[in-house]
């Protein structure tokens, strides 16, 4: 996505969400629409790169050793 496409996507989001054009939008509305358009453009690439970097990612709870409570050792005697 180039800058022109990003601006078009931003304007589309502004029209659908705030019902305003680029010149009519406030700074906050413009910020929200621009950041949403950028994230929509980056999301597929981000997900693809994430899968390449971590192909066999596991949760920490499965790989971590279970914690042992000192009281359980004392009670077991």
Protein backbone atom coordinates (compact mmCIF):
# COMPACT_ATOMS: atom_id res chain seq x y z
CA UNK A 1 0.00 0.00 0.00
CA UNK A 2 1.39 3.38 -0.94
CA UNK A 3 0.58 6.78 0.58
CA UNK A 4 -2.16 7.56 -1.93
CA UNK A 5 -3.96 4.30 -1.17
CA UNK A 6 -3.58 4.91 2.57
CA UNK A 7 -5.18 8.36 2.23
CA UNK A 8 -8.03 6.87 0.18
CA UNK A 9 -8.61 4.18 2.80
CA UNK A 10 -8.53 6.84 5.53
CA UNK A 11 -11.12 8.92 3.69
CA UNK A 12 -13.31 5.86 3.17
CA UNK A 13 -13.21 5.08 6.88
CA UNK A 14 -13.99 8.71 7.75
CA UNK A 15 -17.00 8.69 5.43
CA UNK A 16 -18.36 5.42 6.81
CA UNK A 17 -17.66 6.02 10.50
CA UNK A 18 -17.80 9.79 11.08
CA UNK A 19 -19.76 10.78 7.94
CA UNK A 20 -17.15 13.44 7.17
CA UNK A 21 -14.63 14.15 4.43
CA UNK A 22 -10.92 14.73 5.10
CA UNK A 23 -11.18 18.56 5.33
CA UNK A 24 -14.20 18.34 7.67
CA UNK A 25 -12.67 15.84 10.11
CA UNK A 26 -11.28 16.82 13.48
CA UNK A 27 -7.76 15.85 14.49
CA UNK A 28 -9.04 12.98 16.64
CA UNK A 29 -11.29 11.62 13.88
CA UNK A 30 -8.45 11.86 11.37
CA UNK A 31 -6.07 10.12 13.77
CA UNK A 32 -8.53 7.27 14.39
CA UNK A 33 -9.29 6.74 10.71
CA UNK A 34 -5.64 6.93 9.66
CA UNK A 35 -4.48 4.50 12.34
CA UNK A 36 -7.31 2.07 11.51
CA UNK A 37 -6.47 2.22 7.80
CA UNK A 38 -2.78 1.63 8.51
CA UNK A 39 -3.52 -1.34 10.78
CA UNK A 40 -5.83 -2.87 8.17
CA UNK A 41 -3.00 -2.61 5.65
CA UNK A 42 -0.38 -4.04 8.02
CA UNK A 43 -2.40 -6.83 9.62
CA UNK A 44 -1.99 -9.47 6.86
CA UNK A 45 1.76 -8.84 6.55
CA UNK A 46 2.16 -8.84 10.33
CA UNK A 47 0.36 -12.17 10.69
CA UNK A 48 2.42 -13.73 7.90
CA UNK A 49 5.73 -12.56 9.38
CA UNK A 50 4.65 -13.68 12.87
CA UNK A 51 3.99 -17.20 11.55
CA UNK A 52 7.40 -17.25 9.87
CA UNK A 53 9.23 -16.07 13.00
CA UNK A 54 7.45 -18.41 15.41
CA UNK A 55 6.35 -21.53 13.51
CA UNK A 56 6.12 -23.76 16.60
CA UNK A 57 5.12 -21.30 19.26
CA UNK A 58 3.79 -22.85 22.47
CA UNK A 59 2.17 -21.33 25.47
CA UNK A 60 4.29 -20.79 28.54
CA UNK A 61 1.95 -22.84 30.71
CA UNK A 62 2.67 -26.02 28.77
CA UNK A 63 6.42 -25.63 28.64
CA UNK A 64 7.01 -24.28 32.13
CA UNK A 65 7.72 -26.58 35.03
CA UNK A 66 4.87 -26.60 37.52
CA UNK A 67 5.66 -24.64 40.64
CA UNK A 68 6.09 -26.59 43.86
CA UNK A 69 4.62 -25.16 47.02
CA UNK A 70 7.02 -25.49 49.97
CA UNK A 71 4.08 -26.33 52.25
CA UNK A 72 3.13 -29.34 50.13
CA UNK A 73 6.60 -30.79 50.67
CA UNK A 74 6.36 -30.16 54.42
CA UNK A 75 2.87 -31.76 54.63
CA UNK A 76 3.99 -34.79 52.64
CA UNK A 77 6.63 -35.32 55.32
